[in-house]
Amino acid sequence: MADLNIPDAPTIAGARHLHSGKVRDLYELPDGTLLMVASDRISAYDFVLDTAIPDKGEILTRMSLWWFDQLADLVPNHVLSTDVPDAVRGRAVVCERLEMFPVECVARGYLTGSGLREYAATGEVCGIALPAGLEDGSRLAEPIFTPATKAALGDHDENVSFDAVVTEVGAQAAARLRELTLAVYRRAEGIARERGIILADTKLEFGSRPDGTTVLGDEVLTPDSSRFWPADRWQPGRAQPSFDKDIVRGWLTSPESGWDRTAGGPPPALPPEVVERTRARYVEAYELLTGQAW
């Protein structure tokens, strides 16, 4: 496991800190509900960087809330309120406590990333056989459900077959997770396409209420959990330009950064121009997708 170097979560009056991930901090409120706070932290190559991206937490929160509204008729979500403490206003939500399914629910409409690597080795992704001749960025005939195990913080999620999900959560729940994941992807892919953006893939998390209702949790359809590509620059056979932290990854692996990934040490601080370009990319994604000015 990498040393993520996650900073201590801020103290919030009346809230008890439960957990911190790469980007989000989770608290319990006195009434038993949860406060989920999106920080301005950014991670790359299994490290949380020392440099934050201004407004990133608020951009991700606003984008998730917008998408939850677009998906409300497909699946309920965990958001109860946006009335949050002043210290985290704009980048936090109050949400219900769920029994989370221990599965990363991934839908892919295009072949890239870990799916591409698995396909290159086996001709399949998560046990699903795909046609020969596909390349980086190829559009699939139909979107596919490619689940992954939830890895420990700092480790990589591992792609698994649908049968492995059945073993983990049962046949009925597995079928429901697959159905909802693909329904969300199809809805979001169509919305994004209308705005000149390709949704290549997305990762969702679901939980269960005490009455058995399956609920969409965590964040949804942001550049941190999804691959968004400019449609007018899509060209299979190469890595696609994207609305995410590729600017950060590109600088870290450039000679300019002076960082050797193989040496095991943490990445250096990001220069101001890289921070500003990354922030601008997140703002651009938000404005293009939602149609709202930042």
Protein backbone atom coordinates (compact mmCIF):
# COMPACT_ATOMS: atom_id res chain seq x y z
CA MET A 1 0.00 0.00 0.00
CA ALA A 2 1.26 3.48 -0.85
CA ASP A 3 1.77 6.08 1.86
CA LEU A 4 -1.10 8.35 0.89
CA ASN A 5 -0.13 11.12 3.30
CA ILE A 6 -3.73 12.24 3.87
CA PRO A 7 -3.81 15.35 6.08
CA ASP A 8 -5.84 15.36 9.27
CA ALA A 9 -9.51 16.12 8.70
CA PRO A 10 -10.65 19.50 10.02
CA THR A 11 -12.63 19.60 13.25
CA ILE A 12 -16.29 20.48 12.69
CA ALA A 13 -18.34 21.54 15.69
CA GLY A 14 -21.03 19.01 16.55
CA ALA A 15 -19.69 16.39 14.14
CA ARG A 16 -17.57 13.31 14.87
CA HIS A 17 -14.93 12.42 12.29
CA LEU A 18 -15.30 8.84 11.05
CA HIS A 19 -13.07 8.39 8.04
CA SER A 20 -10.97 10.18 5.44
CA GLY A 21 -10.34 9.01 1.90
CA LYS A 22 -8.21 10.47 -0.86
CA VAL A 23 -10.65 13.33 -1.40
CA ARG A 24 -13.57 13.09 1.05
CA ASP A 25 -13.91 13.32 4.81
CA LEU A 26 -16.86 11.63 6.52
CA TYR A 27 -18.42 12.73 9.80
CA GLU A 28 -21.33 11.58 11.95
CA LEU A 29 -23.87 14.19 13.06
CA PRO A 30 -25.72 14.06 16.40
CA ASP A 31 -28.91 12.72 14.79
CA GLY A 32 -27.04 9.76 13.28
CA THR A 33 -26.94 11.11 9.73
CA LEU A 34 -23.62 11.56 7.93
CA LEU A 35 -21.81 14.66 6.74
CA MET A 36 -19.76 14.01 3.59
CA VAL A 37 -17.22 16.72 2.84
CA ALA A 38 -15.37 17.02 -0.47
CA SER A 39 -11.94 18.54 0.08
CA ASP A 40 -9.71 20.29 -2.44
CA ARG A 41 -7.21 17.43 -2.21
CA ILE A 42 -6.06 15.76 -5.41
CA SER A 43 -4.42 12.36 -5.75
CA ALA A 44 -2.21 10.86 -8.42
CA TYR A 45 -0.30 7.61 -8.67
CA ASP A 46 -1.62 6.50 -5.25
CA PHE A 47 -0.41 9.62 -3.46
CA VAL A 48 -2.42 12.51 -2.10
CA LEU A 49 -0.48 15.54 -3.25
CA ASP A 50 0.64 18.29 -0.92
CA THR A 51 -0.87 20.85 -3.30
CA ALA A 52 -4.64 21.36 -3.30
CA ILE A 53 -6.75 22.49 -6.27
CA PRO A 54 -8.81 25.54 -5.25
CA ASP A 55 -12.60 25.06 -5.49
CA LYS A 56 -12.28 21.40 -6.47
CA GLY A 57 -14.37 20.15 -3.55
CA GLU A 58 -17.16 22.57 -4.33
CA ILE A 59 -17.07 21.77 -8.05
CA LEU A 60 -17.36 18.04 -7.34
CA THR A 61 -20.18 18.58 -4.86
CA ARG A 62 -22.19 20.81 -7.19
CA MET A 63 -21.67 18.43 -10.08
CA SER A 64 -22.80 15.41 -8.05
CA LEU A 65 -25.93 17.24 -6.88
CA TRP A 66 -26.76 18.17 -10.48
CA TRP A 67 -26.35 14.57 -11.62
CA PHE A 68 -28.39 13.21 -8.71
CA ASP A 69 -31.24 15.40 -9.98
CA GLN A 70 -30.89 14.04 -13.52
CA LEU A 71 -31.04 10.46 -12.22
CA ALA A 72 -33.77 10.85 -9.59
CA ASP A 73 -36.38 8.89 -11.56
CA LEU A 74 -33.95 5.98 -12.07
CA VAL A 75 -32.60 5.45 -8.57
CA PRO A 76 -32.91 7.20 -5.18
CA ASN A 77 -29.78 8.82 -3.78
CA HIS A 78 -28.38 9.32 -0.31
CA VAL A 79 -28.55 13.14 -0.11
CA LEU A 80 -30.80 14.46 2.64
CA SER A 81 -29.81 18.12 2.78
CA THR A 82 -27.30 20.72 1.65
CA ASP A 83 -27.80 22.67 4.88
CA VAL A 84 -24.34 22.11 6.33
CA PRO A 85 -22.02 23.89 8.79
CA ASP A 86 -20.60 27.17 7.50
CA ALA A 87 -17.05 25.83 7.56
CA VAL A 88 -17.87 23.37 4.76
CA ARG A 89 -20.76 25.13 3.03
CA GLY A 90 -20.88 24.46 -0.69
CA ARG A 91 -18.68 21.38 -0.55
CA ALA A 92 -20.58 19.07 1.76
CA VAL A 93 -23.91 17.25 1.96
CA VAL A 94 -25.86 15.61 4.73
CA CYS A 95 -26.63 12.07 3.68
CA GLU A 96 -28.35 9.00 5.04
CA ARG A 97 -26.47 6.10 6.56
CA LEU A 98 -26.55 3.07 4.28
CA GLU A 99 -25.20 -0.45 4.33
CA MET A 100 -22.78 -0.02 1.44
CA PHE A 101 -22.28 -2.85 -1.03
CA PRO A 102 -18.60 -3.93 -1.04
CA VAL A 103 -18.42 -3.58 -4.82
CA GLU A 104 -17.24 -0.80 -7.13
CA CYS A 105 -19.94 -0.71 -9.82
CA VAL A 106 -18.28 0.25 -13.09
CA ALA A 107 -19.95 0.75 -16.47
CA ARG A 108 -17.86 1.03 -19.61
CA GLY A 109 -19.03 2.24 -22.98
CA TYR A 110 -15.50 2.61 -24.33
CA LEU A 111 -12.37 0.53 -23.89
CA THR A 112 -9.50 2.15 -22.00
CA GLY A 113 -7.63 2.01 -18.71
CA SER A 114 -7.67 -1.26 -16.76
CA GLY A 115 -10.33 -2.63 -19.11
CA LEU A 116 -8.02 -2.15 -22.08
CA ARG A 117 -5.14 -3.83 -20.25
CA GLU A 118 -7.30 -6.82 -19.36
CA TYR A 119 -8.66 -7.07 -22.90
CA ALA A 120 -5.14 -6.95 -24.36
CA ALA A 121 -4.13 -9.89 -22.14
CA THR A 122 -7.26 -12.06 -22.38
CA GLY A 123 -9.70 -10.71 -24.97
CA GLU A 124 -12.17 -10.21 -22.13
CA VAL A 125 -13.08 -7.64 -19.47
CA CYS A 126 -14.41 -9.04 -16.21
CA GLY A 127 -15.26 -12.30 -17.94
CA ILE A 128 -17.11 -10.60 -20.81
CA ALA A 129 -15.66 -11.60 -24.20
CA LEU A 130 -15.18 -8.69 -26.58
CA PRO A 131 -14.57 -8.66 -30.36
CA ALA A 132 -11.02 -8.83 -31.66
CA GLY A 133 -9.32 -5.72 -32.97
CA LEU A 134 -10.43 -3.19 -30.37
CA GLU A 135 -7.95 -0.49 -29.37
CA ASP A 136 -7.56 2.31 -26.87
CA GLY A 137 -10.72 4.43 -27.03
CA SER A 138 -12.82 1.99 -29.08
CA ARG A 139 -16.56 2.36 -28.54
CA LEU A 140 -18.20 -0.88 -27.42
CA ALA A 141 -21.30 -2.20 -29.16
CA GLU A 142 -23.14 -2.02 -25.83
CA PRO A 143 -22.04 -0.69 -22.44
CA ILE A 144 -20.84 -3.43 -20.12
CA PHE A 145 -20.89 -3.89 -16.33
CA THR A 146 -17.32 -4.42 -15.14
CA PRO A 147 -17.32 -4.52 -11.33
CA ALA A 148 -14.28 -4.31 -9.10
CA THR A 149 -13.48 -5.15 -5.52
CA LYS A 150 -13.10 -2.24 -3.10
CA ALA A 151 -9.42 -2.15 -2.28
CA ALA A 152 -7.92 -0.88 0.94
CA LEU A 153 -7.04 2.81 0.83
CA GLY A 154 -3.95 3.23 -1.29
CA ASP A 155 -4.30 -0.11 -3.06
CA HIS A 156 -5.77 -0.64 -6.51
CA ASP A 157 -9.30 -1.95 -7.03
CA GLU A 158 -9.29 -5.31 -8.80
CA ASN A 159 -11.64 -6.09 -11.67
CA VAL A 160 -13.83 -9.12 -10.98
CA SER A 161 -16.49 -11.12 -12.82
CA PHE A 162 -20.22 -10.79 -12.31
CA ASP A 163 -20.17 -14.23 -10.70
CA ALA A 164 -17.79 -12.87 -8.06
CA VAL A 165 -20.33 -10.13 -7.26
CA VAL A 166 -23.06 -12.79 -6.92
CA THR A 167 -20.86 -14.65 -4.46
CA GLU A 168 -20.25 -11.43 -2.51
CA VAL A 169 -23.78 -9.97 -2.30
CA GLY A 170 -26.18 -12.61 -3.64
CA ALA A 171 -27.82 -13.10 -7.03
CA GLN A 172 -30.71 -10.69 -6.54
CA ALA A 173 -28.58 -7.80 -5.31
CA ALA A 174 -25.94 -8.41 -7.98
CA ALA A 175 -28.55 -8.29 -10.73
CA ARG A 176 -29.97 -5.07 -9.30
CA LEU A 177 -26.54 -3.44 -9.10
CA ARG A 178 -25.80 -4.35 -12.72
CA GLU A 179 -29.21 -3.09 -13.88
CA LEU A 180 -28.90 0.23 -12.06
CA THR A 181 -25.27 0.80 -13.07
CA LEU A 182 -26.04 0.36 -16.76
CA ALA A 183 -29.21 2.46 -16.52
CA VAL A 184 -27.28 5.32 -14.90
CA TYR A 185 -24.53 5.06 -17.49
CA ARG A 186 -26.94 5.12 -20.43
CA ARG A 187 -28.79 8.14 -19.06
CA ALA A 188 -25.59 10.04 -18.30
CA GLU A 189 -23.91 9.06 -21.57
CA GLY A 190 -26.82 10.51 -23.53
CA ILE A 191 -26.85 13.75 -21.52
CA ALA A 192 -23.09 14.18 -21.89
CA ARG A 193 -23.18 13.44 -25.64
CA GLU A 194 -25.75 16.23 -26.15
CA ARG A 195 -23.16 18.57 -24.63
CA GLY A 196 -20.27 17.42 -26.82
CA ILE A 197 -18.73 15.16 -24.19
CA ILE A 198 -18.14 11.40 -24.28
CA LEU A 199 -18.66 9.51 -21.03
CA ALA A 200 -16.19 6.67 -21.53
CA ASP A 201 -16.79 4.94 -18.20
CA THR A 202 -17.93 5.65 -14.68
CA LYS A 203 -17.67 4.16 -11.20
CA LEU A 204 -20.69 4.13 -8.90
CA GLU A 205 -21.27 3.10 -5.31
CA PHE A 206 -24.57 1.82 -3.96
CA GLY A 207 -25.91 1.06 -0.52
CA SER A 208 -29.01 -0.50 0.96
CA ARG A 209 -31.61 1.01 3.28
CA PRO A 210 -33.03 -1.09 6.11
CA ASP A 211 -36.10 -1.79 3.93
CA GLY A 212 -33.88 -3.20 1.18
CA THR A 213 -34.09 -0.24 -1.20
CA THR A 214 -30.94 0.16 -3.28
CA VAL A 215 -29.63 3.74 -3.09
CA LEU A 216 -26.96 5.59 -5.07
CA GLY A 217 -24.33 6.92 -2.67
CA ASP A 218 -20.96 8.65 -2.49
CA GLU A 219 -20.41 11.06 -5.38
CA VAL A 220 -21.61 10.55 -8.93
CA LEU A 221 -20.37 11.31 -12.44
CA THR A 222 -17.59 13.75 -11.62
CA PRO A 223 -14.13 13.84 -13.23
CA ASP A 224 -12.85 11.97 -10.16
CA SER A 225 -15.07 8.93 -10.77
CA SER A 226 -15.63 9.08 -14.53
CA ARG A 227 -13.71 9.51 -17.76
CA PHE A 228 -15.06 12.44 -19.77
CA TRP A 229 -13.58 13.07 -23.23
CA PRO A 230 -14.19 15.95 -25.66
CA ALA A 231 -16.30 14.32 -28.39
CA ASP A 232 -14.72 16.37 -31.18
CA ARG A 233 -11.26 15.07 -30.29
CA TRP A 234 -12.13 11.38 -29.92
CA GLN A 235 -9.76 9.24 -31.95
CA PRO A 236 -9.46 5.52 -31.17
CA GLY A 237 -5.98 4.10 -31.16
CA ARG A 238 -4.45 6.60 -28.74
CA ALA A 239 -4.96 8.00 -25.29
CA GLN A 240 -7.83 10.50 -25.37
CA PRO A 241 -7.67 14.05 -23.99
CA SER A 242 -9.88 14.16 -20.93
CA PHE A 243 -11.59 16.38 -18.37
CA ASP A 244 -9.75 15.13 -15.32
CA LYS A 245 -6.36 15.25 -13.64
CA ASP A 246 -4.34 14.27 -16.72
CA ILE A 247 -2.66 17.68 -16.49
CA VAL A 248 -1.34 16.72 -13.05
CA ARG A 249 -0.29 13.23 -14.12
CA GLY A 250 1.43 14.61 -17.20
CA TRP A 251 3.46 17.15 -15.24
CA LEU A 252 4.44 14.65 -12.54
CA THR A 253 5.87 12.25 -15.13
CA SER A 254 7.63 14.99 -17.11
CA PRO A 255 11.33 15.82 -16.70
CA GLU A 256 10.27 19.22 -15.36
CA SER A 257 8.93 17.71 -12.13
CA GLY A 258 12.12 15.83 -11.36
CA TRP A 259 10.09 13.05 -9.74
CA ASP A 260 11.07 9.40 -10.15
CA ARG A 261 7.96 7.24 -9.65
CA THR A 262 10.08 4.13 -9.20
CA ALA A 263 12.05 5.58 -6.31
CA GLY A 264 9.12 5.36 -3.92
CA GLY A 265 9.23 8.93 -2.64
CA PRO A 266 6.23 11.27 -2.65
CA PRO A 267 5.58 13.58 -5.61
CA PRO A 268 6.72 17.21 -5.46
CA ALA A 269 4.39 20.18 -4.98
CA LEU A 270 2.60 21.32 -8.11
CA PRO A 271 3.63 24.64 -9.65
CA PRO A 272 0.99 27.39 -9.74
CA GLU A 273 0.42 27.12 -13.50
CA VAL A 274 -0.38 23.40 -13.23
CA VAL A 275 -2.77 24.09 -10.34
CA GLU A 276 -4.58 26.79 -12.34
CA ARG A 277 -4.82 24.68 -15.52
CA THR A 278 -6.21 21.76 -13.51
CA ARG A 279 -8.77 23.95 -11.76
CA ALA A 280 -9.79 25.41 -15.13
CA ARG A 281 -10.30 21.89 -16.51
CA TYR A 282 -12.64 20.95 -13.64
CA VAL A 283 -14.57 24.22 -14.07
CA GLU A 284 -14.85 23.59 -17.82
CA ALA A 285 -16.26 20.10 -17.24
CA TYR A 286 -18.78 21.48 -14.74
CA GLU A 287 -19.95 24.26 -17.04
CA LEU A 288 -20.18 22.10 -20.16
CA LEU A 289 -22.10 19.30 -18.46
CA THR A 290 -24.49 21.33 -16.30
CA GLY A 291 -24.90 24.35 -18.54
CA GLN A 292 -24.37 26.50 -15.44
CA ALA A 293 -21.72 29.21 -15.09
CA TRP A 294 -19.24 28.65 -12.29
